[in-house]
Amino acid sequence: MEVAEFQRWMDELYGDRDRRRGQDRTFGWFVEEVGELSRALRRGTPENLRHEFADVVAWLASLANSAGVDLQAELERYRDACPRCSARPCACPYVE
């Protein structure tokens, strides 16, 4: 599934609910899912980790929908090289 198709699918499934909830509360749900992903990265099972990654992507798509952002279009900036240094692989200074 393409990113744009997934984003449309999320709008079809949850768009009305997301619009009623509003952008701030949708962002709150997204952040909660990122927290769950963080916990899964530290101590989750492989199945739990996959589940949390999917949840984060789903909530990101819902949030993008509420903000009017086309993720497919915006991700194009990463298509050919690092958008910051224009190298592939990235040649930006490494920061820990």
Protein backbone atom coordinates (compact mmCIF):
# COMPACT_ATOMS: atom_id res chain seq x y z
CA MET A 1 0.00 0.00 0.00
CA GLU A 2 1.30 3.44 -0.92
CA VAL A 3 1.52 6.10 1.77
CA ALA A 4 -1.15 8.23 0.07
CA GLU A 5 -3.50 5.25 -0.13
CA PHE A 6 -2.93 4.49 3.55
CA GLN A 7 -3.58 8.12 4.48
CA ARG A 8 -6.85 8.09 2.50
CA TRP A 9 -7.80 4.78 4.14
CA MET A 10 -7.19 6.22 7.61
CA ASP A 11 -9.40 9.20 6.73
CA GLU A 12 -12.15 6.88 5.57
CA LEU A 13 -11.91 4.78 8.74
CA TYR A 14 -11.35 7.47 11.35
CA GLY A 15 -11.63 10.90 9.69
CA ASP A 16 -15.01 11.86 11.14
CA ARG A 17 -13.94 10.80 14.63
CA ASP A 18 -10.59 12.58 14.27
CA ARG A 19 -12.26 15.80 13.17
CA ARG A 20 -14.63 15.69 16.15
CA ARG A 21 -11.69 14.99 18.50
CA GLY A 22 -9.67 17.86 17.06
CA GLN A 23 -6.03 18.24 16.19
CA ASP A 24 -4.72 18.80 19.73
CA ARG A 25 -6.32 15.66 21.14
CA THR A 26 -5.33 13.64 18.07
CA PHE A 27 -1.76 14.79 18.65
CA GLY A 28 -2.08 13.62 22.26
CA TRP A 29 -3.08 10.15 21.08
CA PHE A 30 -0.14 10.13 18.66
CA VAL A 31 2.29 11.03 21.46
CA GLU A 32 0.81 8.30 23.66
CA GLU A 33 1.45 5.77 20.89
CA VAL A 34 5.04 7.01 20.55
CA GLY A 35 5.43 6.38 24.28
CA GLU A 36 4.09 2.85 23.85
CA LEU A 37 6.57 2.32 21.01
CA SER A 38 9.37 3.52 23.26
CA ARG A 39 8.42 0.96 25.89
CA ALA A 40 8.17 -1.79 23.26
CA LEU A 41 11.64 -0.93 21.95
CA ARG A 42 13.07 -1.40 25.43
CA ARG A 43 11.19 -4.44 26.64
CA GLY A 44 8.52 -5.53 24.19
CA THR A 45 8.14 -8.72 22.25
CA PRO A 46 8.72 -8.68 18.47
CA GLU A 47 4.95 -8.91 17.96
CA ASN A 48 4.31 -6.01 20.34
CA LEU A 49 7.01 -3.94 18.62
CA ARG A 50 5.43 -4.48 15.19
CA HIS A 51 2.02 -3.55 16.61
CA GLU A 52 3.31 -0.32 18.15
CA PHE A 53 5.13 0.73 14.97
CA ALA A 54 1.87 0.28 13.04
CA ASP A 55 -0.06 2.28 15.64
CA VAL A 56 2.42 5.16 15.44
CA VAL A 57 2.19 5.27 11.64
CA ALA A 58 -1.63 5.12 11.79
CA TRP A 59 -1.86 8.00 14.27
CA LEU A 60 0.70 9.99 12.27
CA ALA A 61 -1.49 9.59 9.18
CA SER A 62 -4.56 10.71 11.15
CA LEU A 63 -2.67 13.71 12.47
CA ALA A 64 -1.43 14.60 8.98
CA ASN A 65 -5.00 14.38 7.71
CA SER A 66 -6.19 16.76 10.42
CA ALA A 67 -3.41 19.21 9.50
CA GLY A 68 -4.08 18.94 5.75
CA VAL A 69 -0.63 17.45 5.05
CA ASP A 70 -0.14 15.00 2.19
CA LEU A 71 2.50 12.64 3.61
CA GLN A 72 3.23 11.04 0.24
CA ALA A 73 4.10 14.42 -1.27
CA GLU A 74 6.17 15.51 1.72
CA LEU A 75 8.13 12.25 1.86
CA GLU A 76 9.35 12.89 -1.68
CA ARG A 77 12.04 15.14 -0.22
CA TYR A 78 13.78 11.96 1.00
CA ARG A 79 13.51 10.14 -2.35
CA ASP A 80 16.96 10.75 -3.82
CA ALA A 81 19.22 11.83 -0.98
CA CYS A 82 19.40 13.39 2.46
CA PRO A 83 17.38 16.62 2.22
CA ARG A 84 19.93 18.42 4.40
CA CYS A 85 23.29 17.50 2.82
CA SER A 86 22.06 16.10 -0.54
CA ALA A 87 24.25 13.00 -0.13
CA ARG A 88 23.32 9.33 -0.35
CA PRO A 89 24.04 7.92 2.14
CA CYS A 90 23.77 10.91 4.42
CA ALA A 91 27.06 12.73 5.04
CA CYS A 92 25.80 15.11 7.72
CA PRO A 93 28.04 15.30 10.80
CA TYR A 94 27.10 12.50 13.20
CA VAL A 95 25.67 13.65 16.52
CA GLU A 96 25.01 11.26 19.40
